[in-house]
Amino acid sequence: MLPVAIASTVTQPEAMQTIAHGIMIGAGFIGPTIGIGLVGANYMSAVGRNPEAAKFLGQALLFAGLIEVYGLLAFASTFFVK
């Protein structure tokens, strides 16, 4: 049930569509967030074991950028799904 102030301006299908978009955005960001965390944790672990290789391991952080692209695609796709 919607509050009275909102119920007069928003219909039930529009409210359900808004809720669905919120769930899609949240579900779409779960995977990339976990992926970025795993990449960061493994990077720190590798640098902790071998500090001299930090400049070479920095290139592996490009994978974090690729993971972030999937999150942005999940965000953008919610506007095109009706």
N, C-alpha and C. Protein backbone atom coordinates (compact mmCIF):
# COMPACT_ATOMS: atom_id res chain seq x y z
N MET A 1 0.83 -1.19 0.00
CA MET A 1 0.00 0.00 0.00
C MET A 1 0.88 1.25 0.00
N LEU A 2 0.51 2.19 -0.85
CA LEU A 2 1.24 3.44 -0.94
C LEU A 2 0.64 4.47 -0.01
N PRO A 3 1.46 5.39 0.49
CA PRO A 3 0.91 6.48 1.29
C PRO A 3 -0.09 7.29 0.47
N VAL A 4 -0.99 8.00 1.15
CA VAL A 4 -2.06 8.72 0.48
C VAL A 4 -1.51 9.79 -0.46
N ALA A 5 -0.45 10.50 -0.08
CA ALA A 5 0.09 11.56 -0.92
C ALA A 5 0.66 11.01 -2.21
N ILE A 6 1.25 9.84 -2.16
CA ILE A 6 1.83 9.24 -3.37
C ILE A 6 0.76 8.51 -4.17
N ALA A 7 -0.18 7.90 -3.50
CA ALA A 7 -1.20 7.10 -4.17
C ALA A 7 -2.03 7.92 -5.14
N SER A 8 -2.18 9.19 -4.88
CA SER A 8 -3.00 10.00 -5.78
C SER A 8 -2.30 10.32 -7.09
N THR A 9 -0.95 10.27 -7.13
CA THR A 9 -0.23 10.64 -8.34
C THR A 9 0.43 9.46 -9.04
N VAL A 10 0.63 8.34 -8.37
CA VAL A 10 1.32 7.18 -8.95
C VAL A 10 0.36 6.01 -8.99
N THR A 11 0.25 5.39 -10.16
CA THR A 11 -0.61 4.21 -10.28
C THR A 11 0.17 2.97 -9.83
N GLN A 12 -0.55 1.91 -9.61
CA GLN A 12 0.07 0.68 -9.12
C GLN A 12 1.10 0.11 -10.11
N PRO A 13 0.83 0.03 -11.42
CA PRO A 13 1.84 -0.50 -12.34
C PRO A 13 3.11 0.36 -12.38
N GLU A 14 2.97 1.67 -12.27
CA GLU A 14 4.14 2.54 -12.26
C GLU A 14 4.97 2.32 -11.01
N ALA A 15 4.30 2.11 -9.90
CA ALA A 15 5.02 1.85 -8.65
C ALA A 15 5.76 0.52 -8.72
N MET A 16 5.13 -0.48 -9.28
CA MET A 16 5.79 -1.78 -9.42
C MET A 16 6.98 -1.70 -10.37
N GLN A 17 6.87 -0.89 -11.42
CA GLN A 17 7.97 -0.71 -12.35
C GLN A 17 9.15 -0.03 -11.65
N THR A 18 8.88 0.93 -10.81
CA THR A 18 9.93 1.61 -10.07
C THR A 18 10.63 0.65 -9.12
N ILE A 19 9.87 -0.18 -8.45
CA ILE A 19 10.44 -1.17 -7.54
C ILE A 19 11.28 -2.18 -8.32
N ALA A 20 10.80 -2.60 -9.47
CA ALA A 20 11.54 -3.55 -10.30
C ALA A 20 12.86 -2.95 -10.78
N HIS A 21 12.85 -1.67 -11.15
CA HIS A 21 14.09 -1.02 -11.56
C HIS A 21 15.08 -0.97 -10.40
N GLY A 22 14.62 -0.69 -9.21
CA GLY A 22 15.50 -0.66 -8.04
C GLY A 22 16.11 -2.02 -7.76
N ILE A 23 15.32 -3.06 -7.89
CA ILE A 23 15.84 -4.42 -7.68
C ILE A 23 16.85 -4.78 -8.76
N MET A 24 16.58 -4.38 -10.00
CA MET A 24 17.52 -4.67 -11.09
C MET A 24 18.85 -3.96 -10.89
N ILE A 25 18.81 -2.72 -10.45
CA ILE A 25 20.05 -1.99 -10.20
C ILE A 25 20.83 -2.65 -9.07
N GLY A 26 20.14 -2.99 -7.99
CA GLY A 26 20.81 -3.63 -6.86
C GLY A 26 21.41 -4.97 -7.22
N ALA A 27 20.67 -5.79 -7.94
CA ALA A 27 21.18 -7.11 -8.33
C ALA A 27 22.31 -6.98 -9.34
N GLY A 28 22.23 -5.97 -10.19
CA GLY A 28 23.28 -5.77 -11.19
C GLY A 28 24.59 -5.29 -10.60
N PHE A 29 24.54 -4.66 -9.45
CA PHE A 29 25.77 -4.16 -8.83
C PHE A 29 26.38 -5.14 -7.83
N ILE A 30 25.68 -6.20 -7.48
CA ILE A 30 26.23 -7.15 -6.52
C ILE A 30 27.46 -7.86 -7.09
N GLY A 31 27.35 -8.36 -8.31
CA GLY A 31 28.47 -9.09 -8.92
C GLY A 31 29.71 -8.24 -9.13
N PRO A 32 29.60 -7.07 -9.78
CA PRO A 32 30.78 -6.23 -9.95
C PRO A 32 31.41 -5.79 -8.64
N THR A 33 30.60 -5.54 -7.63
CA THR A 33 31.15 -5.12 -6.34
C THR A 33 31.97 -6.23 -5.72
N ILE A 34 31.47 -7.45 -5.77
CA ILE A 34 32.22 -8.59 -5.25
C ILE A 34 33.48 -8.79 -6.08
N GLY A 35 33.39 -8.64 -7.40
CA GLY A 35 34.55 -8.81 -8.27
C GLY A 35 35.65 -7.81 -7.98
N ILE A 36 35.28 -6.54 -7.80
CA ILE A 36 36.27 -5.52 -7.49
C ILE A 36 36.92 -5.80 -6.14
N GLY A 37 36.14 -6.25 -5.19
CA GLY A 37 36.70 -6.60 -3.88
C GLY A 37 37.70 -7.74 -3.97
N LEU A 38 37.37 -8.75 -4.77
CA LEU A 38 38.29 -9.88 -4.92
C LEU A 38 39.57 -9.48 -5.63
N VAL A 39 39.46 -8.66 -6.67
CA VAL A 39 40.66 -8.19 -7.38
C VAL A 39 41.53 -7.37 -6.44
N GLY A 40 40.93 -6.48 -5.69
CA GLY A 40 41.70 -5.65 -4.75
C GLY A 40 42.35 -6.46 -3.65
N ALA A 41 41.64 -7.42 -3.12
CA ALA A 41 42.21 -8.25 -2.04
C ALA A 41 43.37 -9.09 -2.55
N ASN A 42 43.22 -9.66 -3.73
CA ASN A 42 44.30 -10.47 -4.27
C ASN A 42 45.50 -9.61 -4.68
N TYR A 43 45.24 -8.39 -5.12
CA TYR A 43 46.34 -7.48 -5.44
C TYR A 43 47.13 -7.15 -4.18
N MET A 44 46.45 -6.82 -3.11
CA MET A 44 47.14 -6.49 -1.86
C MET A 44 47.90 -7.69 -1.31
N SER A 45 47.33 -8.86 -1.46
CA SER A 45 48.02 -10.07 -1.02
C SER A 45 49.29 -10.31 -1.82
N ALA A 46 49.22 -10.12 -3.13
CA ALA A 46 50.39 -10.32 -3.98
C ALA A 46 51.46 -9.29 -3.70
N VAL A 47 51.09 -8.04 -3.49
CA VAL A 47 52.07 -7.00 -3.18
C VAL A 47 52.68 -7.24 -1.80
N GLY A 48 51.91 -7.77 -0.89
CA GLY A 48 52.44 -8.09 0.43
C GLY A 48 53.49 -9.19 0.38
N ARG A 49 53.31 -10.14 -0.52
CA ARG A 49 54.29 -11.22 -0.66
C ARG A 49 55.51 -10.79 -1.45
N ASN A 50 55.33 -9.92 -2.44
CA ASN A 50 56.43 -9.53 -3.32
C ASN A 50 56.31 -8.03 -3.63
N PRO A 51 56.81 -7.17 -2.75
CA PRO A 51 56.65 -5.72 -2.95
C PRO A 51 57.34 -5.18 -4.20
N GLU A 52 58.40 -5.84 -4.65
CA GLU A 52 59.11 -5.35 -5.83
C GLU A 52 58.28 -5.47 -7.11
N ALA A 53 57.33 -6.37 -7.12
CA ALA A 53 56.52 -6.61 -8.31
C ALA A 53 55.27 -5.72 -8.35
N ALA A 54 55.19 -4.74 -7.46
CA ALA A 54 53.98 -3.91 -7.39
C ALA A 54 53.73 -3.15 -8.69
N LYS A 55 54.81 -2.68 -9.35
CA LYS A 55 54.59 -1.91 -10.58
C LYS A 55 54.07 -2.80 -11.70
N PHE A 56 54.44 -4.07 -11.70
CA PHE A 56 53.93 -4.98 -12.72
C PHE A 56 52.52 -5.46 -12.39
N LEU A 57 52.26 -5.62 -11.11
CA LEU A 57 50.93 -6.07 -10.70
C LEU A 57 49.88 -4.97 -10.86
N GLY A 58 50.30 -3.72 -10.92
CA GLY A 58 49.37 -2.62 -11.11
C GLY A 58 48.59 -2.73 -12.40
N GLN A 59 49.19 -3.40 -13.38
CA GLN A 59 48.48 -3.59 -14.64
C GLN A 59 47.28 -4.51 -14.47
N ALA A 60 47.31 -5.34 -13.46
CA ALA A 60 46.18 -6.24 -13.20
C ALA A 60 44.95 -5.47 -12.73
N LEU A 61 45.15 -4.24 -12.26
CA LEU A 61 44.01 -3.45 -11.82
C LEU A 61 43.14 -2.99 -12.99
N LEU A 62 43.61 -3.19 -14.21
CA LEU A 62 42.76 -2.94 -15.36
C LEU A 62 41.53 -3.83 -15.34
N PHE A 63 41.67 -5.01 -14.73
CA PHE A 63 40.53 -5.91 -14.61
C PHE A 63 39.44 -5.30 -13.75
N ALA A 64 39.83 -4.49 -12.77
CA ALA A 64 38.82 -3.81 -11.95
C ALA A 64 38.01 -2.85 -12.81
N GLY A 65 38.65 -2.22 -13.78
CA GLY A 65 37.93 -1.34 -14.71
C GLY A 65 36.97 -2.12 -15.59
N LEU A 66 37.40 -3.30 -16.02
CA LEU A 66 36.51 -4.13 -16.83
C LEU A 66 35.31 -4.60 -16.02
N ILE A 67 35.55 -4.92 -14.78
CA ILE A 67 34.45 -5.35 -13.91
C ILE A 67 33.47 -4.20 -13.71
N GLU A 68 33.99 -2.98 -13.57
CA GLU A 68 33.13 -1.82 -13.37
C GLU A 68 32.25 -1.55 -14.58
N VAL A 69 32.74 -1.87 -15.77
CA VAL A 69 31.94 -1.70 -16.98
C VAL A 69 30.69 -2.55 -16.91
N TYR A 70 30.80 -3.76 -16.37
CA TYR A 70 29.62 -4.61 -16.24
C TYR A 70 28.60 -3.98 -15.28
N GLY A 71 29.07 -3.36 -14.24
CA GLY A 71 28.16 -2.67 -13.33
C GLY A 71 27.46 -1.50 -14.00
N LEU A 72 28.19 -0.75 -14.81
CA LEU A 72 27.58 0.36 -15.53
C LEU A 72 26.59 -0.12 -16.58
N LEU A 73 26.89 -1.24 -17.21
CA LEU A 73 25.93 -1.81 -18.16
C LEU A 73 24.65 -2.26 -17.45
N ALA A 74 24.80 -2.82 -16.27
CA ALA A 74 23.61 -3.23 -15.50
C ALA A 74 22.79 -2.00 -15.13
N PHE A 75 23.46 -0.92 -14.78
CA PHE A 75 22.75 0.32 -14.45
C PHE A 75 22.04 0.89 -15.67
N ALA A 76 22.73 0.95 -16.79
CA ALA A 76 22.15 1.53 -18.00
C ALA A 76 21.01 0.67 -18.56
N SER A 77 21.11 -0.62 -18.41
CA SER A 77 20.08 -1.50 -18.97
C SER A 77 18.74 -1.35 -18.26
N THR A 78 18.73 -0.87 -17.04
CA THR A 78 17.45 -0.73 -16.32
C THR A 78 16.57 0.34 -16.95
N PHE A 79 17.16 1.27 -17.67
CA PHE A 79 16.36 2.32 -18.29
C PHE A 79 15.74 1.88 -19.60
N PHE A 80 16.25 0.79 -20.17
CA PHE A 80 15.74 0.32 -21.44
C PHE A 80 14.75 -0.84 -21.31
N VAL A 81 14.67 -1.44 -20.13
CA VAL A 81 13.77 -2.55 -19.90
C VAL A 81 12.45 -2.02 -19.39
N LYS A 82 11.40 -2.36 -20.05
CA LYS A 82 10.07 -1.89 -19.63
C LYS A 82 9.21 -3.07 -19.24
